[in-house]
Amino acid sequence: MTRRPFDDETPDRLYAVTGGRSRAHETAFDLVTLIISERGPSPGMQSEHIRILHMCHRPMAVVEISAALGLPVSVVKILLCDLLDTGRVSARHPSVRSHADDQSSEGRSLSRVQAGVQRLPNVELLKKVLVGLQKL
């Protein structure tokens, strides 16, 4: 049987890492929420918190953090909630666009293109300008 990375973590260890908590704020994060460090670590912080802060100097998804730490996503979400509550990280949720939003933005783009085409000068006027320029 092959062992997954977090199989090496004993339940006691995971219990200690999370302070005995088994759930994070369910609405705080999803797998693709981007996490960004806002402040550096302070003395006495848990090593996992410090590693997350160092990792997230650039935006990083929750699932990427989980993979890098080798911890289950549920544990990482609890750790991230700790950091979010203390203002050490910020979370940016990906925007979700509906099909109706896509259609309305496509319609706005098409309207702008049509308006731009209508503002173009008349072809006959352009020909006259070219003839005038050639005579110079």
C-alpha atoms as a PDB file:
ATOM      1  CA  MET A   1       0.000   0.000   0.000  1.00  0.00           C
ATOM      2  CA  THR A   2       1.394   3.411  -0.941  1.00  0.00           C
ATOM      3  CA  ARG A   3       1.146   6.095   1.649  1.00  0.00           C
ATOM      4  CA  ARG A   4      -0.106   9.560   0.857  1.00  0.00           C
ATOM      5  CA  PRO A   5       1.963  12.469   2.240  1.00  0.00           C
ATOM      6  CA  PHE A   6      -0.427  13.263   5.083  1.00  0.00           C
ATOM      7  CA  ASP A   7      -0.620   9.607   6.103  1.00  0.00           C
ATOM      8  CA  ASP A   8       2.763  10.268   7.719  1.00  0.00           C
ATOM      9  CA  GLU A   9       1.061  12.739  10.037  1.00  0.00           C
ATOM     10  CA  THR A  10      -0.385  11.058  13.061  1.00  0.00           C
ATOM     11  CA  PRO A  11      -3.838  12.137  14.186  1.00  0.00           C
ATOM     12  CA  ASP A  12      -2.225  13.431  17.395  1.00  0.00           C
ATOM     13  CA  ARG A  13       0.059  15.696  15.370  1.00  0.00           C
ATOM     14  CA  LEU A  14      -2.829  17.074  13.286  1.00  0.00           C
ATOM     15  CA  TYR A  15      -4.827  17.606  16.483  1.00  0.00           C
ATOM     16  CA  ALA A  16      -1.953  19.615  17.947  1.00  0.00           C
ATOM     17  CA  VAL A  17      -1.469  21.658  14.757  1.00  0.00           C
ATOM     18  CA  THR A  18      -5.120  22.716  14.728  1.00  0.00           C
ATOM     19  CA  GLY A  19      -5.442  23.164  18.475  1.00  0.00           C
ATOM     20  CA  GLY A  20      -8.087  20.459  18.557  1.00  0.00           C
ATOM     21  CA  ARG A  21     -10.354  22.209  16.061  1.00  0.00           C
ATOM     22  CA  SER A  22     -11.887  20.090  13.344  1.00  0.00           C
ATOM     23  CA  ARG A  23     -13.555  22.742  11.187  1.00  0.00           C
ATOM     24  CA  ALA A  24     -12.715  26.140   9.752  1.00  0.00           C
ATOM     25  CA  HIS A  25     -15.218  28.849   8.919  1.00  0.00           C
ATOM     26  CA  GLU A  26     -16.883  27.037   6.030  1.00  0.00           C
ATOM     27  CA  THR A  27     -17.404  30.186   3.963  1.00  0.00           C
ATOM     28  CA  ALA A  28     -13.926  31.616   4.544  1.00  0.00           C
ATOM     29  CA  PHE A  29     -12.059  29.621   1.886  1.00  0.00           C
ATOM     30  CA  ASP A  30     -12.553  27.255  -0.986  1.00  0.00           C
ATOM     31  CA  LEU A  31      -9.852  25.310  -2.820  1.00  0.00           C
ATOM     32  CA  VAL A  32      -9.015  28.090  -5.283  1.00  0.00           C
ATOM     33  CA  THR A  33      -9.153  31.060  -2.906  1.00  0.00           C
ATOM     34  CA  LEU A  34      -5.916  33.006  -3.268  1.00  0.00           C
ATOM     35  CA  ILE A  35      -4.014  33.756  -0.063  1.00  0.00           C
ATOM     36  CA  ILE A  36      -1.588  36.678   0.226  1.00  0.00           C
ATOM     37  CA  SER A  37       0.678  37.462   3.203  1.00  0.00           C
ATOM     38  CA  GLU A  38       0.007  40.899   4.632  1.00  0.00           C
ATOM     39  CA  ARG A  39       2.530  40.810   7.482  1.00  0.00           C
ATOM     40  CA  GLY A  40       5.467  38.678   8.475  1.00  0.00           C
ATOM     41  CA  PRO A  41       5.581  36.127  11.279  1.00  0.00           C
ATOM     42  CA  SER A  42       5.995  37.108  14.898  1.00  0.00           C
ATOM     43  CA  PRO A  43       8.036  35.328  17.570  1.00  0.00           C
ATOM     44  CA  GLY A  44       6.336  32.300  19.058  1.00  0.00           C
ATOM     45  CA  MET A  45       4.141  31.509  16.049  1.00  0.00           C
ATOM     46  CA  GLN A  46       3.498  27.923  15.030  1.00  0.00           C
ATOM     47  CA  SER A  47       5.937  26.656  12.403  1.00  0.00           C
ATOM     48  CA  GLU A  48       3.081  25.887   9.984  1.00  0.00           C
ATOM     49  CA  HIS A  49       1.816  29.472  10.252  1.00  0.00           C
ATOM     50  CA  ILE A  50       5.314  30.767   9.542  1.00  0.00           C
ATOM     51  CA  ARG A  51       5.689  28.506   6.500  1.00  0.00           C
ATOM     52  CA  ILE A  52       2.343  29.723   5.124  1.00  0.00           C
ATOM     53  CA  LEU A  53       3.355  33.371   5.571  1.00  0.00           C
ATOM     54  CA  HIS A  54       6.657  32.780   3.769  1.00  0.00           C
ATOM     55  CA  MET A  55       4.929  30.873   0.946  1.00  0.00           C
ATOM     56  CA  CYS A  56       2.263  33.479   0.340  1.00  0.00           C
ATOM     57  CA  HIS A  57       4.365  36.516  -0.519  1.00  0.00           C
ATOM     58  CA  ARG A  58       2.825  35.951  -3.942  1.00  0.00           C
ATOM     59  CA  PRO A  59      -0.806  34.858  -4.247  1.00  0.00           C
ATOM     60  CA  MET A  60      -1.189  31.129  -3.677  1.00  0.00           C
ATOM     61  CA  ALA A  61      -4.319  28.961  -3.790  1.00  0.00           C
ATOM     62  CA  VAL A  62      -5.453  27.057  -0.706  1.00  0.00           C
ATOM     63  CA  VAL A  63      -4.976  23.748  -2.498  1.00  0.00           C
ATOM     64  CA  GLU A  64      -1.383  24.707  -3.432  1.00  0.00           C
ATOM     65  CA  ILE A  65      -0.612  25.573   0.184  1.00  0.00           C
ATOM     66  CA  SER A  66      -2.025  22.222   1.267  1.00  0.00           C
ATOM     67  CA  ALA A  67       0.157  20.382  -1.230  1.00  0.00           C
ATOM     68  CA  ALA A  68       3.284  22.341  -0.288  1.00  0.00           C
ATOM     69  CA  LEU A  69       2.781  21.692   3.424  1.00  0.00           C
ATOM     70  CA  GLY A  70       1.768  18.072   2.903  1.00  0.00           C
ATOM     71  CA  LEU A  71      -1.282  18.611   5.129  1.00  0.00           C
ATOM     72  CA  PRO A  72      -4.955  17.910   4.453  1.00  0.00           C
ATOM     73  CA  VAL A  73      -6.912  20.864   3.068  1.00  0.00           C
ATOM     74  CA  SER A  74      -9.171  20.841   6.138  1.00  0.00           C
ATOM     75  CA  VAL A  75      -6.161  21.396   8.413  1.00  0.00           C
ATOM     76  CA  VAL A  76      -4.761  24.131   6.163  1.00  0.00           C
ATOM     77  CA  LYS A  77      -8.118  25.931   6.187  1.00  0.00           C
ATOM     78  CA  ILE A  78      -8.036  26.013  10.001  1.00  0.00           C
ATOM     79  CA  LEU A  79      -4.504  27.424   9.963  1.00  0.00           C
ATOM     80  CA  LEU A  80      -5.509  30.013   7.364  1.00  0.00           C
ATOM     81  CA  CYS A  81      -8.483  31.076   9.484  1.00  0.00           C
ATOM     82  CA  ASP A  82      -6.067  31.754  12.345  1.00  0.00           C
ATOM     83  CA  LEU A  83      -3.926  33.931  10.089  1.00  0.00           C
ATOM     84  CA  LEU A  84      -6.931  35.685   8.561  1.00  0.00           C
ATOM     85  CA  ASP A  85      -8.376  36.469  11.996  1.00  0.00           C
ATOM     86  CA  THR A  86      -5.093  38.127  13.035  1.00  0.00           C
ATOM     87  CA  GLY A  87      -4.777  40.088   9.776  1.00  0.00           C
ATOM     88  CA  ARG A  88      -1.589  38.328   8.710  1.00  0.00           C
ATOM     89  CA  VAL A  89      -3.098  37.140   5.421  1.00  0.00           C
ATOM     90  CA  SER A  90      -5.841  38.285   3.110  1.00  0.00           C
ATOM     91  CA  ALA A  91      -8.038  36.085   0.955  1.00  0.00           C
ATOM     92  CA  ARG A  92      -9.099  36.877  -2.576  1.00  0.00           C
ATOM     93  CA  HIS A  93     -11.943  34.809  -3.846  1.00  0.00           C
ATOM     94  CA  PRO A  94     -12.034  34.146  -7.572  1.00  0.00           C
ATOM     95  CA  SER A  95     -14.859  35.938  -9.298  1.00  0.00           C
ATOM     96  CA  VAL A  96     -17.616  33.743 -10.574  1.00  0.00           C
ATOM     97  CA  ARG A  97     -19.213  34.929 -13.782  1.00  0.00           C
ATOM     98  CA  SER A  98     -22.499  33.575 -14.936  1.00  0.00           C
ATOM     99  CA  HIS A  99     -23.430  32.881 -18.538  1.00  0.00           C
ATOM    100  CA  ALA A 100     -25.726  35.925 -18.447  1.00  0.00           C
ATOM    101  CA  ASP A 101     -22.775  38.121 -17.351  1.00  0.00           C
ATOM    102  CA  ASP A 102     -20.688  36.788 -20.252  1.00  0.00           C
ATOM    103  CA  GLN A 103     -23.444  37.539 -22.721  1.00  0.00           C
ATOM    104  CA  SER A 104     -23.997  41.057 -21.407  1.00  0.00           C
ATOM    105  CA  SER A 105     -20.262  41.867 -21.537  1.00  0.00           C
ATOM    106  CA  GLU A 106     -20.085  40.462 -25.076  1.00  0.00           C
ATOM    107  CA  GLY A 107     -23.062  42.625 -26.000  1.00  0.00           C
ATOM    108  CA  ARG A 108     -21.366  45.719 -24.541  1.00  0.00           C
ATOM    109  CA  SER A 109     -18.172  44.931 -26.458  1.00  0.00           C
ATOM    110  CA  LEU A 110     -20.076  44.489 -29.689  1.00  0.00           C
ATOM    111  CA  SER A 111     -21.899  47.789 -29.138  1.00  0.00           C
ATOM    112  CA  ARG A 112     -18.583  49.588 -28.615  1.00  0.00           C
ATOM    113  CA  VAL A 113     -17.154  48.091 -31.813  1.00  0.00           C
ATOM    114  CA  GLN A 114     -20.252  49.124 -33.771  1.00  0.00           C
ATOM    115  CA  ALA A 115     -20.055  52.658 -32.372  1.00  0.00           C
ATOM    116  CA  GLY A 116     -16.379  52.859 -33.323  1.00  0.00           C
ATOM    117  CA  VAL A 117     -17.092  51.710 -36.876  1.00  0.00           C
ATOM    118  CA  GLN A 118     -19.844  54.317 -37.205  1.00  0.00           C
ATOM    119  CA  ARG A 119     -17.389  57.049 -36.127  1.00  0.00           C
ATOM    120  CA  LEU A 120     -14.967  56.154 -38.931  1.00  0.00           C
ATOM    121  CA  PRO A 121     -14.819  58.788 -41.683  1.00  0.00           C
ATOM    122  CA  ASN A 122     -16.633  58.294 -44.977  1.00  0.00           C
ATOM    123  CA  VAL A 123     -14.618  56.385 -47.615  1.00  0.00           C
ATOM    124  CA  GLU A 124     -15.161  59.149 -50.193  1.00  0.00           C
ATOM    125  CA  LEU A 125     -13.803  61.736 -47.766  1.00  0.00           C
ATOM    126  CA  LEU A 126     -10.703  59.607 -47.167  1.00  0.00           C
ATOM    127  CA  LYS A 127     -10.122  59.323 -50.945  1.00  0.00           C
ATOM    128  CA  LYS A 128     -10.315  63.122 -51.296  1.00  0.00           C
ATOM    129  CA  VAL A 129      -7.812  63.554 -48.446  1.00  0.00           C
ATOM    130  CA  LEU A 130      -5.396  61.113 -50.104  1.00  0.00           C
ATOM    131  CA  VAL A 131      -5.670  62.910 -53.459  1.00  0.00           C
ATOM    132  CA  GLY A 132      -5.024  66.209 -51.701  1.00  0.00           C
ATOM    133  CA  LEU A 133      -1.982  64.816 -49.934  1.00  0.00           C
ATOM    134  CA  GLN A 134      -0.579  63.447 -53.201  1.00  0.00           C
ATOM    135  CA  LYS A 135      -0.850  66.903 -54.782  1.00  0.00           C
ATOM    136  CA  LEU A 136       1.329  68.467 -52.081  1.00  0.00           C
END
